[in-house]
């Protein structure tokens, strides 16, 4: 029985390893034998079919400076997604970064003067760029390895079809090259990375893992990429996370030098996720990344057939002077249009500060936050808010009845409330909400305890990730307090992998790594909509993949209610209200209970 089990397990593993090769053979069967390397190229018909069915968002013309795509035949659709995303750009040169898979180069990096042929046309090499590269970096040598390098060959028909006539600069990077050598290569490529240059990075990600193991490693990679820091690549391992740290580092470093935005991960798949042999240790993972040129607006990317995107926002309060603004002619419509322009209409989750009332009442204290039910919930629905966190220091501003009525009002309009300590199922993720502060009940602070965290109903075996809204910190300060650090440490023992902080009314500088490589923390997302001219805010764009992973991106947003806000329709209205101090009325106190 044991022998039979072991033989069966070995068979399944072998099938899992061979399956991508079998699929590749089918696609390669009709490839035209143009030259020795052409045997590695996908069939022209397969490339054209993949390009023709790829959906590209036509609503915004994005200025793309770089893409990262796979180099395996079963991922032709993902390769097409990357190329078509950049396909509307006008380029004069394409730098192709590929791993030197078989260590054929005698130097850390290699290039070539020889052009290539494909069934969809030639890909000519930029010989002047080659000469410049070789002269600028002594670590780059000329080599004929590219004829047998599938990292380049599989992409050549896409280059020929999408960018006909554009010259390429192929560069192969050895796996064992070092960071110091990567910097030398980046220095040499820097002057060649012009406004009309596109970087195409040919990279596959986790290798030789089971699907479960690959999913964790892919998420660690996605967390590293979310930091937009080349140094984060150093924490990845080859080949468990990526097949070319060198290519990823050099690409990110060149983009960083130009101030370009990214990477935006728009695709992630594992070769074993739809296979019955999910225990096989022969899987490969694929990511599609995109970089945008400097000056690109901070706006969300569209969805794809295999993705679902959510926007996580900070503090929102729609009462007081915000309510008066929304009640003005076209005020709500103008705000809604601009917010949807930032979010792309994706569903939103936010921290709702205050209490919804069926009949608007005057607060007893200026520190109490009340919102009119009809105007507030209608506006939230108009911008596609689906989830409202209610764990904050203003949840009890109208007493227990207000705390009971607000969730009921939200649910009646299709918005899911998240009360303190509650865990909700949002489909692609689970979400809980915690507050360390309260204005009405004792204790006013330090409310989150290890026992409260242990009571969270978060199953660590869930296939989908768990996130947490945490209300903490000090107002108008993005410094991380000792209490925030302590709470984050307590949460490390839970299934939570992403913390979305709120309360300080100002946004952090960006995401930070947490739980080693397994989590991210946004210490504060600041304000989304709040009548505080000194506030600042950010969104988290979280894109979920069918693989069970997600990519997180930090988006800086304007203070939409500031006199200098980028809301043209409201500038005159805001100017009038600021001059009369009717829009922003300062509250008593600036401490925990003051906002």
Protein backbone atom coordinates (compact mmCIF):
# COMPACT_ATOMS: atom_id res chain seq x y z
CA UNK A 1 0.00 0.00 0.00
CA UNK A 2 2.81 2.41 0.95
CA UNK A 3 4.73 1.56 -2.21
CA UNK A 4 1.61 2.12 -4.33
CA UNK A 5 1.00 5.51 -2.65
CA UNK A 6 4.61 6.65 -3.24
CA UNK A 7 4.54 5.56 -6.88
CA UNK A 8 1.23 7.40 -7.41
CA UNK A 9 2.58 10.57 -5.75
CA UNK A 10 5.71 10.46 -7.92
CA UNK A 11 3.54 10.05 -11.03
CA UNK A 12 1.44 13.08 -10.11
CA UNK A 13 4.54 15.17 -9.49
CA UNK A 14 6.02 14.19 -12.83
CA UNK A 15 2.79 15.00 -14.63
CA UNK A 16 2.70 18.38 -12.90
CA UNK A 17 6.22 19.14 -14.08
CA UNK A 18 5.63 17.94 -17.63
CA UNK A 19 2.20 19.49 -18.19
CA UNK A 20 3.49 22.99 -19.12
CA UNK A 21 5.97 21.38 -21.52
CA UNK A 22 3.22 19.37 -23.21
CA UNK A 23 1.13 22.52 -23.65
CA UNK A 24 4.16 24.32 -25.01
CA UNK A 25 4.77 21.57 -27.56
CA UNK A 26 1.23 21.94 -28.89
CA UNK A 27 1.66 25.68 -29.38
CA UNK A 28 5.09 25.26 -30.96
CA UNK A 29 4.01 22.62 -33.45
CA UNK A 30 3.15 25.10 -36.20
CA UNK A 31 6.00 27.56 -35.53
CA UNK A 32 7.81 28.62 -38.70
CA UNK A 33 11.51 27.57 -38.74
CA UNK A 34 12.92 31.01 -39.53
CA UNK A 35 16.31 30.50 -37.83
CA UNK A 36 17.83 28.34 -35.12
CA UNK A 37 16.21 30.31 -32.28
CA UNK A 38 12.82 30.40 -33.98
CA UNK A 39 12.07 26.88 -32.77
CA UNK A 40 11.59 28.42 -29.33
CA UNK A 41 9.13 31.04 -30.57
CA UNK A 42 5.36 30.58 -30.22
CA UNK A 43 3.31 30.08 -33.36
CA UNK A 44 2.44 33.30 -35.16
CA UNK A 45 -1.25 32.40 -35.13
CA UNK A 46 -1.14 31.86 -31.36
CA UNK A 47 0.49 35.25 -30.81
CA UNK A 48 -2.01 37.03 -33.04
CA UNK A 49 -4.91 35.29 -31.35
CA UNK A 50 -3.64 36.22 -27.87
CA UNK A 51 -3.21 39.86 -28.91
CA UNK A 52 -6.60 40.05 -30.62
CA UNK A 53 -8.60 38.89 -27.60
CA UNK A 54 -6.78 41.05 -25.05
CA UNK A 55 -9.03 43.80 -23.69
CA UNK A 56 -7.34 47.18 -23.23
CA UNK A 57 -8.87 50.10 -21.32
CA UNK A 58 -9.52 52.83 -23.87
CA UNK A 59 -10.85 55.41 -21.42
CA UNK A 60 -7.43 56.64 -20.34
CA UNK A 61 -4.31 56.96 -22.45
CA UNK A 62 -1.59 55.84 -20.09
CA UNK A 63 2.05 56.68 -20.79
CA UNK A 64 3.88 53.41 -20.23
CA UNK A 65 7.63 53.30 -19.62
CA UNK A 66 8.07 49.61 -18.84
CA UNK A 67 6.39 46.22 -18.59
CA UNK A 68 7.25 42.85 -17.08
CA UNK A 69 5.88 39.73 -18.79
CA UNK A 70 6.35 35.95 -18.53
CA UNK A 71 8.32 33.86 -21.00
CA UNK A 72 6.36 30.59 -20.97
CA UNK A 73 4.06 29.51 -23.80
CA UNK A 74 1.09 28.70 -21.49
CA UNK A 75 1.13 32.36 -20.41
CA UNK A 76 0.70 33.87 -23.88
CA UNK A 77 -2.43 35.71 -22.75
CA UNK A 78 -0.51 37.41 -19.92
CA UNK A 79 2.32 38.32 -22.29
CA UNK A 80 -0.27 39.85 -24.61
CA UNK A 81 -1.79 41.79 -21.71
CA UNK A 82 1.53 43.44 -20.97
CA UNK A 83 2.34 44.24 -24.59
CA UNK A 84 -1.12 45.56 -25.42
CA UNK A 85 -1.04 47.81 -22.36
CA UNK A 86 2.05 49.49 -23.79
CA UNK A 87 0.96 49.07 -27.40
CA UNK A 88 -0.34 52.61 -27.90
CA UNK A 89 2.95 54.21 -26.93
CA UNK A 90 5.38 55.71 -29.42
CA UNK A 91 8.84 54.25 -28.90
CA UNK A 92 12.15 54.45 -30.70
CA UNK A 93 13.96 51.80 -28.67
CA UNK A 94 12.99 48.78 -26.56
CA UNK A 95 15.37 47.50 -23.90
CA UNK A 96 14.72 43.80 -23.26
CA UNK A 97 16.00 42.38 -19.97
CA UNK A 98 16.05 38.58 -19.82
CA UNK A 99 17.65 36.01 -17.54
CA UNK A 100 20.61 34.11 -18.87
CA UNK A 101 18.88 30.87 -17.97
CA UNK A 102 21.68 28.51 -18.91
CA UNK A 103 24.64 30.66 -17.83
CA UNK A 104 26.04 30.84 -21.34
CA UNK A 105 27.45 34.34 -20.96
CA UNK A 106 31.11 34.59 -19.97
CA UNK A 107 30.41 37.98 -18.38
CA UNK A 108 27.75 39.01 -15.85
CA UNK A 109 25.70 40.57 -18.65
CA UNK A 110 25.49 39.94 -22.38
CA UNK A 111 24.10 41.62 -25.48
CA UNK A 112 24.30 41.11 -29.24
CA UNK A 113 24.61 43.01 -32.52
CA UNK A 114 22.64 40.39 -34.43
CA UNK A 115 19.02 41.03 -35.37
CA UNK A 116 16.25 38.44 -35.24
CA UNK A 117 13.56 37.05 -37.50
CA UNK A 118 10.06 35.94 -36.56
CA UNK A 119 7.02 34.72 -38.41
CA UNK A 120 5.50 38.19 -37.82
CA UNK A 121 8.45 40.19 -39.09
CA UNK A 122 12.01 41.12 -38.12
CA UNK A 123 13.22 42.54 -34.82
CA UNK A 124 16.27 44.65 -35.55
CA UNK A 125 18.87 45.36 -32.91
CA UNK A 126 19.91 48.91 -32.04
CA UNK A 127 23.64 48.54 -32.80
CA UNK A 128 24.53 52.04 -31.63
CA UNK A 129 22.92 51.30 -28.28
CA UNK A 130 24.80 48.00 -28.11
CA UNK A 131 28.09 49.79 -28.74
CA UNK A 132 27.30 52.38 -26.07
CA UNK A 133 26.36 49.71 -23.55
CA UNK A 134 29.49 47.63 -24.08
CA UNK A 135 31.74 50.67 -23.86
CA UNK A 136 30.05 52.05 -20.75
CA UNK A 137 30.02 48.85 -18.67
CA UNK A 138 32.97 46.40 -18.83
CA UNK A 139 30.70 43.73 -17.34
CA UNK A 140 28.71 43.51 -20.61
CA UNK A 141 29.98 41.26 -23.38
CA UNK A 142 28.69 40.25 -26.78
CA UNK A 143 27.26 36.75 -27.04
CA UNK A 144 25.29 34.44 -29.32
CA UNK A 145 23.36 32.98 -26.39
CA UNK A 146 20.15 34.74 -27.46
CA UNK A 147 19.49 32.23 -30.26
CA UNK A 148 18.76 29.63 -27.58
CA UNK A 149 17.45 31.92 -24.82
CA UNK A 150 13.70 31.39 -24.46
CA UNK A 151 13.48 34.45 -22.22
CA UNK A 152 13.95 36.51 -25.40
CA UNK A 153 12.79 34.19 -28.15
CA UNK A 154 9.24 33.77 -26.83
CA UNK A 155 8.79 37.56 -26.75
CA UNK A 156 10.22 38.31 -30.21
CA UNK A 157 6.95 37.72 -32.16
CA UNK A 158 5.16 40.09 -29.77
CA UNK A 159 7.84 42.73 -30.33
CA UNK A 160 7.50 42.32 -34.09
CA UNK A 161 3.68 42.43 -34.04
CA UNK A 162 3.08 45.25 -31.54
CA UNK A 163 6.11 47.44 -32.23
CA UNK A 164 7.04 46.87 -35.89
CA UNK A 165 10.20 48.67 -36.92
CA UNK A 166 11.22 49.62 -33.36
CA UNK A 167 14.81 48.57 -32.63
CA UNK A 168 15.61 46.44 -29.61
CA UNK A 169 18.51 46.29 -27.18
CA UNK A 170 18.59 42.75 -25.72
CA UNK A 171 20.41 42.26 -22.42
CA UNK A 172 20.85 38.91 -20.64
CA UNK A 173 21.64 38.92 -16.93
CA UNK A 174 23.33 36.03 -15.15
CA UNK A 175 21.56 34.67 -12.10
CA UNK A 176 24.61 34.99 -9.84
CA UNK A 177 25.38 38.63 -10.71
CA UNK A 178 25.55 40.99 -7.73
CA UNK A 179 23.89 44.23 -6.71
CA UNK A 180 27.10 46.14 -7.34
CA UNK A 181 27.15 44.75 -10.87
CA UNK A 182 23.46 45.59 -11.35
CA UNK A 183 24.23 49.22 -10.53
CA UNK A 184 26.99 49.23 -13.15
CA UNK A 185 24.53 47.93 -15.74
CA UNK A 186 21.89 50.47 -14.70
CA UNK A 187 24.44 53.28 -15.02
CA UNK A 188 25.25 52.13 -18.55
CA UNK A 189 21.58 51.78 -19.55
CA UNK A 190 20.56 55.08 -17.97
CA UNK A 191 21.48 57.35 -20.93
CA UNK A 192 19.76 54.89 -23.29
CA UNK A 193 16.50 55.04 -21.30
CA UNK A 194 15.02 58.06 -23.05
CA UNK A 195 11.48 59.43 -23.09
CA UNK A 196 10.80 57.22 -26.14
CA UNK A 197 12.28 54.03 -24.69
CA UNK A 198 10.26 51.10 -23.38
CA UNK A 199 11.76 48.53 -21.01
CA UNK A 200 10.46 44.98 -21.42
CA UNK A 201 11.47 42.71 -18.55
CA UNK A 202 11.16 39.00 -19.32
CA UNK A 203 10.74 37.26 -15.96
CA UNK A 204 8.92 34.31 -14.44
CA UNK A 205 8.40 34.09 -10.72
CA UNK A 206 8.15 31.26 -8.17
CA UNK A 207 9.53 27.94 -9.45
CA UNK A 208 9.41 24.28 -8.39
CA UNK A 209 6.91 24.71 -5.56
CA UNK A 210 3.51 23.24 -4.82
CA UNK A 211 0.61 25.55 -5.60
CA UNK A 212 0.12 26.33 -1.89
CA UNK A 213 3.81 27.13 -1.43
CA UNK A 214 3.86 29.16 -4.62
CA UNK A 215 0.90 31.25 -3.49
CA UNK A 216 2.71 32.26 -0.29
CA UNK A 217 5.94 33.05 -2.14
CA UNK A 218 4.07 35.02 -4.80
CA UNK A 219 2.37 37.06 -2.08
CA UNK A 220 5.75 37.81 -0.52
CA UNK A 221 6.97 38.97 -3.93
CA UNK A 222 3.87 41.13 -4.43
CA UNK A 223 4.42 42.68 -1.00
CA UNK A 224 8.01 43.52 -1.94
CA UNK A 225 6.93 45.09 -5.24
CA UNK A 226 4.30 47.18 -3.42
CA UNK A 227 7.13 49.11 -1.74
CA UNK A 228 8.34 50.40 -5.15
CA UNK A 229 11.91 50.11 -3.87
CA UNK A 230 14.60 48.20 -5.79
CA UNK A 231 16.22 47.31 -2.46
CA UNK A 232 13.14 45.23 -1.60
CA UNK A 233 14.14 42.84 -4.42
CA UNK A 234 17.19 41.85 -2.39
CA UNK A 235 14.94 40.01 0.07
CA UNK A 236 13.64 37.64 -2.64
CA UNK A 237 15.17 34.25 -3.34
CA UNK A 238 15.96 32.57 -6.65
CA UNK A 239 14.14 30.59 -7.89
CA UNK A 240 11.61 30.30 -5.02
CA UNK A 241 10.36 33.86 -5.61
CA UNK A 242 11.74 34.93 -9.00
CA UNK A 243 14.01 33.67 -11.77
CA UNK A 244 15.94 36.94 -12.15
CA UNK A 245 16.43 39.29 -9.24
CA UNK A 246 18.92 41.09 -11.45
CA UNK A 247 16.34 41.97 -14.13
CA UNK A 248 13.76 43.09 -11.55
CA UNK A 249 16.29 45.23 -9.67
CA UNK A 250 17.76 46.91 -12.75
CA UNK A 251 14.31 47.61 -14.17
CA UNK A 252 13.03 49.16 -10.93
CA UNK A 253 16.22 51.15 -10.46
CA UNK A 254 15.97 52.69 -13.93
CA UNK A 255 12.31 53.56 -13.39
CA UNK A 256 13.12 55.04 -9.97
CA UNK A 257 15.76 57.33 -11.49
CA UNK A 258 13.15 58.78 -13.83
CA UNK A 259 10.59 59.24 -11.08
CA UNK A 260 8.26 56.87 -12.90
CA UNK A 261 5.38 55.19 -11.09
CA UNK A 262 5.11 51.51 -10.41
CA UNK A 263 5.17 48.68 -10.63
CA UNK A 264 1.44 48.19 -11.07
CA UNK A 265 0.79 44.45 -11.04
CA UNK A 266 -2.07 43.67 -13.42
CA UNK A 267 -1.78 39.89 -13.62
CA UNK A 268 -0.73 36.93 -11.46
CA UNK A 269 -1.25 33.27 -12.19
CA UNK A 270 0.32 29.95 -11.24
CA UNK A 271 0.63 27.07 -13.67
CA UNK A 272 -0.91 24.72 -11.11
CA UNK A 273 -3.91 26.74 -9.94
CA UNK A 274 -6.33 25.12 -12.39
CA UNK A 275 -4.55 21.76 -12.47
CA UNK A 276 -5.88 18.67 -10.66
CA UNK A 277 -2.29 18.05 -9.62
CA UNK A 278 -2.12 20.93 -7.15
CA UNK A 279 0.25 19.04 -4.84
CA UNK A 280 2.86 18.80 -7.58
CA UNK A 281 6.09 20.62 -6.87
CA UNK A 282 6.57 21.62 -10.49
CA UNK A 283 4.62 24.86 -10.76
CA UNK A 284 5.72 28.22 -12.17
CA UNK A 285 4.13 31.57 -11.39
CA UNK A 286 3.65 34.54 -13.70
CA UNK A 287 3.27 38.26 -12.99
CA UNK A 288 2.50 41.15 -15.34
CA UNK A 289 3.82 44.52 -14.20
CA UNK A 290 3.45 47.99 -15.68
CA UNK A 291 5.34 51.23 -15.04
CA UNK A 292 3.92 54.66 -15.87
CA UNK A 293 5.94 57.72 -16.82
CA UNK A 294 6.45 60.50 -14.31
CA UNK A 295 3.54 62.88 -14.03
CA UNK A 296 0.93 60.16 -14.42
CA UNK A 297 -2.16 60.85 -12.31
CA UNK A 298 -2.74 58.80 -9.18
CA UNK A 299 -5.74 56.89 -10.43
CA UNK A 300 -6.76 53.26 -10.22
CA UNK A 301 -6.20 50.77 -13.01
CA UNK A 302 -9.09 48.92 -14.66
CA UNK A 303 -10.05 45.33 -13.98
CA UNK A 304 -9.28 42.36 -16.19
CA UNK A 305 -11.31 39.16 -16.59
CA UNK A 306 -9.29 37.44 -13.86
CA UNK A 307 -9.01 40.35 -11.39
CA UNK A 308 -11.16 42.20 -8.89
CA UNK A 309 -10.04 45.58 -7.56
CA UNK A 310 -11.00 47.37 -4.35
CA UNK A 311 -10.09 50.81 -3.05
CA UNK A 312 -9.38 51.18 0.67
CA UNK A 313 -9.69 54.75 1.99
CA UNK A 314 -9.19 56.53 5.29
CA UNK A 315 -11.46 58.80 7.30
CA UNK A 316 -14.75 60.00 5.82
CA UNK A 317 -17.15 62.41 7.54
CA UNK A 318 -20.05 63.81 5.55
CA UNK A 319 -21.69 66.02 8.14
CA UNK A 320 -21.21 69.60 9.29
CA UNK A 321 -19.73 71.75 6.54
CA UNK A 322 -19.29 68.80 4.17
CA UNK A 323 -23.06 68.33 4.27
CA UNK A 324 -23.57 71.99 3.40
CA UNK A 325 -21.24 71.64 0.44
CA UNK A 326 -23.00 68.50 -0.79
CA UNK A 327 -26.31 70.33 -0.55
CA UNK A 328 -25.16 73.06 -2.94
CA UNK A 329 -26.03 73.00 -6.62
CA UNK A 330 -23.94 70.34 -8.35
CA UNK A 331 -21.71 70.00 -5.27
CA UNK A 332 -22.32 66.29 -4.72
CA UNK A 333 -22.18 65.54 -8.45
CA UNK A 334 -18.85 67.35 -8.85
CA UNK A 335 -17.28 65.53 -5.92
CA UNK A 336 -18.64 62.20 -7.10
CA UNK A 337 -17.25 62.65 -10.64
CA UNK A 338 -13.79 63.50 -9.34
CA UNK A 339 -13.72 60.64 -6.85
CA UNK A 340 -14.83 58.14 -9.48
CA UNK A 341 -12.05 59.50 -11.69
CA UNK A 342 -9.58 58.54 -8.98
CA UNK A 343 -11.09 55.16 -8.07
CA UNK A 344 -12.11 54.04 -11.54
CA UNK A 345 -15.48 53.16 -10.06
CA UNK A 346 -14.04 50.21 -8.15
CA UNK A 347 -15.83 49.25 -4.91
CA UNK A 348 -14.58 51.13 -1.87
CA UNK A 349 -14.05 50.35 1.82
CA UNK A 350 -13.50 53.25 4.23
CA UNK A 351 -13.60 54.35 7.86
CA UNK A 352 -16.85 56.20 8.44
CA UNK A 353 -16.32 58.75 11.23
CA UNK A 354 -19.46 59.66 13.14
CA UNK A 355 -23.09 58.59 13.37
CA UNK A 356 -25.86 58.50 10.77
CA UNK A 357 -29.16 59.98 11.96
CA UNK A 358 -32.60 59.61 10.33
CA UNK A 359 -33.35 63.15 11.43
CA UNK A 360 -30.48 65.55 11.58
CA UNK A 361 -29.88 66.88 15.09
CA UNK A 362 -27.46 69.44 16.42
CA UNK A 363 -24.60 67.82 18.33
CA UNK A 364 -24.36 68.64 21.99
CA UNK A 365 -20.60 69.12 21.65
CA UNK A 366 -18.65 70.44 18.69
CA UNK A 367 -16.52 67.32 18.88
CA UNK A 368 -19.51 65.09 18.06
CA UNK A 369 -19.85 64.01 14.44
CA UNK A 370 -23.41 63.61 13.11
CA UNK A 371 -24.41 62.92 9.49
CA UNK A 372 -27.76 63.15 7.75
CA UNK A 373 -28.88 59.69 6.66
CA UNK A 374 -30.35 60.55 3.27
CA UNK A 375 -27.63 62.84 1.91
CA UNK A 376 -24.70 60.90 3.33
CA UNK A 377 -25.66 57.37 2.37
CA UNK A 378 -26.84 58.52 -1.04
CA UNK A 379 -23.48 60.09 -1.71
CA UNK A 380 -21.57 57.04 -0.46
CA UNK A 381 -23.61 54.86 -2.82
CA UNK A 382 -22.89 57.20 -5.73
CA UNK A 383 -19.14 56.61 -5.36
CA UNK A 384 -19.60 52.84 -4.92
CA UNK A 385 -18.76 52.54 -1.23
CA UNK A 386 -19.51 48.92 -0.32
CA UNK A 387 -17.96 48.63 3.16
CA UNK A 388 -17.91 51.14 6.04
CA UNK A 389 -15.74 50.55 9.09
CA UNK A 390 -17.45 51.78 12.28
CA UNK A 391 -14.70 51.10 14.80
CA UNK A 392 -13.48 54.60 15.66
CA UNK A 393 -13.57 57.21 18.41
CA UNK A 394 -16.83 58.75 17.10
CA UNK A 395 -18.98 55.60 16.85
CA UNK A 396 -20.73 56.37 20.14
CA UNK A 397 -21.24 60.10 19.58
CA UNK A 398 -25.03 59.57 19.63
CA UNK A 399 -24.92 56.88 22.29
CA UNK A 400 -25.83 53.23 21.95
CA UNK A 401 -28.88 54.00 19.82
CA UNK A 402 -26.70 55.76 17.26
CA UNK A 403 -24.33 52.80 17.22
CA UNK A 404 -27.28 50.50 16.56
CA UNK A 405 -29.00 52.67 13.95
CA UNK A 406 -25.95 53.46 11.81
CA UNK A 407 -25.29 49.83 10.70
CA UNK A 408 -28.99 49.33 9.97
CA UNK A 409 -29.10 52.47 7.81
CA UNK A 410 -26.01 51.36 5.87
CA UNK A 411 -27.27 47.83 5.33
CA UNK A 412 -30.57 49.14 3.99
CA UNK A 413 -28.62 50.85 1.21
CA UNK A 414 -26.39 47.89 0.41
CA UNK A 415 -23.33 49.06 2.36
CA UNK A 416 -21.83 46.49 4.73
CA UNK A 417 -20.92 47.88 8.16
CA UNK A 418 -17.97 46.52 10.13
CA UNK A 419 -18.42 47.02 13.86
CA UNK A 420 -15.63 46.86 16.40
CA UNK A 421 -14.21 43.34 16.62
CA UNK A 422 -16.49 42.03 13.87
CA UNK A 423 -15.19 40.01 10.90
CA UNK A 424 -17.03 40.19 7.58
CA UNK A 425 -16.74 38.09 4.44
CA UNK A 426 -16.25 40.34 1.42
CA UNK A 427 -15.74 37.54 -1.10
CA UNK A 428 -12.11 37.99 -2.11
CA UNK A 429 -11.06 38.97 1.42
CA UNK A 430 -12.10 39.03 5.06
CA UNK A 431 -12.14 42.32 6.96
CA UNK A 432 -12.17 43.21 10.62
CA UNK A 433 -12.17 46.59 12.37
CA UNK A 434 -10.56 47.65 15.66
CA UNK A 435 -10.27 50.94 17.50
CA UNK A 436 -7.77 51.88 20.17
CA UNK A 437 -9.69 55.10 20.92
CA UNK A 438 -13.15 56.13 22.06
CA UNK A 439 -14.55 59.54 23.03
CA UNK A 440 -17.46 58.30 25.13
CA UNK A 441 -16.58 55.21 27.16
CA UNK A 442 -13.72 54.26 29.43
CA UNK A 443 -10.97 53.63 28.65
CA UNK A 444 -10.62 56.45 26.13
CA UNK A 445 -7.37 54.97 24.84
CA UNK A 446 -5.41 51.70 24.80
CA UNK A 447 -8.60 49.77 24.11
CA UNK A 448 -7.05 47.12 21.89
CA UNK A 449 -5.66 44.25 23.95
CA UNK A 450 -4.12 40.87 23.12
CA UNK A 451 -7.27 39.15 24.38
CA UNK A 452 -9.46 41.25 22.08
CA UNK A 453 -7.28 40.28 19.13
CA UNK A 454 -7.38 36.60 20.08
CA UNK A 455 -11.17 36.71 19.97
CA UNK A 456 -11.23 37.73 16.30
CA UNK A 457 -12.87 35.02 14.21
CA UNK A 458 -10.05 34.73 11.67
CA UNK A 459 -9.30 31.26 10.39
CA UNK A 460 -5.60 31.11 9.40
CA UNK A 461 -6.42 28.35 6.88
CA UNK A 462 -8.70 30.58 4.78
CA UNK A 463 -7.78 30.62 1.11
CA UNK A 464 -8.53 34.34 0.85
CA UNK A 465 -6.60 36.98 2.79
CA UNK A 466 -7.68 38.86 5.91
CA UNK A 467 -7.33 42.63 6.35
CA UNK A 468 -7.87 44.96 9.31
CA UNK A 469 -9.05 48.55 9.68
CA UNK A 470 -7.29 49.84 12.81
CA UNK A 471 -8.14 53.23 14.35
CA UNK A 472 -5.05 54.36 16.24
CA UNK A 473 -2.23 56.87 16.48
CA UNK A 474 -2.04 60.60 17.14
CA UNK A 475 -3.94 63.26 15.21
CA UNK A 476 -2.03 65.19 12.55
CA UNK A 477 1.09 63.07 12.98
CA UNK A 478 2.28 60.23 10.79
CA UNK A 479 4.85 59.15 13.40
CA UNK A 480 4.34 55.57 14.53
CA UNK A 481 3.62 55.52 18.25
CA UNK A 482 4.69 52.79 20.67
CA UNK A 483 1.05 51.72 21.01
CA UNK A 484 0.67 51.32 17.24
CA UNK A 485 3.84 49.27 17.09
CA UNK A 486 2.63 47.13 19.96
CA UNK A 487 -0.77 46.47 18.36
CA UNK A 488 0.86 45.59 15.04
CA UNK A 489 3.06 43.09 16.87
CA UNK A 490 0.02 41.48 18.51
CA UNK A 491 -1.69 41.20 15.11
CA UNK A 492 1.29 39.28 13.70
CA UNK A 493 -0.07 36.11 15.29
CA UNK A 494 -3.37 36.39 13.37
CA UNK A 495 -4.30 35.71 9.75
CA UNK A 496 -4.30 39.48 9.01
CA UNK A 497 -1.84 40.35 6.24
CA UNK A 498 -2.75 44.01 5.55
CA UNK A 499 -3.40 46.77 8.09
CA UNK A 500 -5.23 49.93 6.99
CA UNK A 501 -4.71 52.59 9.66
CA UNK A 502 -6.88 55.63 10.32
CA UNK A 503 -7.43 58.51 12.81
CA UNK A 504 -4.34 60.77 12.34
CA UNK A 505 -6.06 62.66 9.44
CA UNK A 506 -2.73 62.78 7.59
CA UNK A 507 -1.33 60.02 5.39
CA UNK A 508 1.88 58.10 5.87
CA UNK A 509 4.65 58.31 3.29
CA UNK A 510 3.70 54.90 1.97
CA UNK A 511 3.41 51.20 2.76
CA UNK A 512 5.82 49.36 5.03
CA UNK A 513 6.75 45.71 5.25
CA UNK A 514 5.19 43.84 8.19
CA UNK A 515 5.19 40.25 9.49
CA UNK A 516 8.58 39.70 7.88
CA UNK A 517 7.70 39.34 4.22
CA UNK A 518 4.13 38.14 4.72
CA UNK A 519 2.33 41.43 5.40
CA UNK A 520 2.06 45.16 4.74
CA UNK A 521 0.97 48.00 6.98
CA UNK A 522 -0.39 51.42 6.05
CA UNK A 523 0.06 53.17 9.39
CA UNK A 524 -2.40 55.86 8.35
CA UNK A 525 -4.40 56.49 5.20
CA UNK A 526 -5.31 59.96 6.47
CA UNK A 527 -8.46 61.70 5.29
CA UNK A 528 -10.64 60.71 2.39
CA UNK A 529 -13.38 63.31 2.86
CA UNK A 530 -13.19 65.54 5.93
CA UNK A 531 -13.56 69.28 6.45
CA UNK A 532 -9.98 69.77 7.60
CA UNK A 533 -7.81 71.91 5.32
CA UNK A 534 -4.61 70.61 6.90
CA UNK A 535 -5.45 66.95 6.27
CA UNK A 536 -3.93 64.67 3.65
CA UNK A 537 -4.89 61.27 2.34
CA UNK A 538 -4.08 58.17 0.34
CA UNK A 539 -5.86 55.20 -1.19
CA UNK A 540 -4.81 51.59 -1.25
CA UNK A 541 -5.59 50.01 -4.60
CA UNK A 542 -5.81 46.28 -3.93
CA UNK A 543 -6.12 43.99 -6.94
CA UNK A 544 -7.21 40.43 -6.23
CA UNK A 545 -6.25 37.57 -8.52
CA UNK A 546 -7.92 34.20 -9.08
CA UNK A 547 -4.71 32.69 -7.73
CA UNK A 548 -5.73 33.79 -4.21
CA UNK A 549 -3.06 36.51 -4.12
CA UNK A 550 -3.39 40.29 -4.23
CA UNK A 551 -1.29 43.28 -5.28
CA UNK A 552 -1.34 46.49 -3.24
CA UNK A 553 -0.57 49.97 -4.56
CA UNK A 554 -0.30 53.25 -2.66
CA UNK A 555 -2.12 56.17 -4.32
CA UNK A 556 -1.74 59.72 -3.03
CA UNK A 557 -5.01 61.66 -3.27
CA UNK A 558 -5.65 65.39 -3.11
CA UNK A 559 -7.51 67.02 -0.24
CA UNK A 560 -10.71 67.34 -2.22
CA UNK A 561 -12.16 69.90 0.19
CA UNK A 562 -9.15 72.20 0.23
CA UNK A 563 -9.34 75.56 -1.52
CA UNK A 564 -6.58 74.39 -3.88
CA UNK A 565 -8.20 71.02 -4.54
CA UNK A 566 -8.18 69.72 -8.08
CA UNK A 567 -11.96 69.88 -8.38
CA UNK A 568 -12.55 72.65 -10.93
CA UNK A 569 -16.31 72.72 -10.44
CA UNK A 570 -15.89 73.42 -6.73
CA UNK A 571 -13.10 76.00 -6.75
CA UNK A 572 -15.41 79.00 -6.68
CA UNK A 573 -17.68 77.44 -4.09
CA UNK A 574 -14.72 76.47 -1.92
CA UNK A 575 -13.14 79.91 -2.23
CA UNK A 576 -16.36 81.58 -1.07
CA UNK A 577 -16.78 79.23 1.83
CA UNK A 578 -13.18 79.44 2.96
CA UNK A 579 -13.27 83.24 2.86
CA UNK A 580 -16.39 83.20 5.06
CA UNK A 581 -14.97 80.32 7.20
CA UNK A 582 -18.25 78.50 6.58
CA UNK A 583 -16.67 75.40 5.08
CA UNK A 584 -14.24 74.66 7.85
CA UNK A 585 -15.22 75.39 11.39
CA UNK A 586 -12.42 74.63 13.85
CA UNK A 587 -13.35 72.31 16.67
CA UNK A 588 -12.48 72.54 20.32
CA UNK A 589 -9.26 70.73 21.12
CA UNK A 590 -6.80 68.87 18.97
CA UNK A 591 -6.29 65.77 21.08
CA UNK A 592 -7.87 62.35 20.85
CA UNK A 593 -11.36 63.62 21.61
CA UNK A 594 -11.11 66.76 19.54
CA UNK A 595 -11.92 65.44 16.07
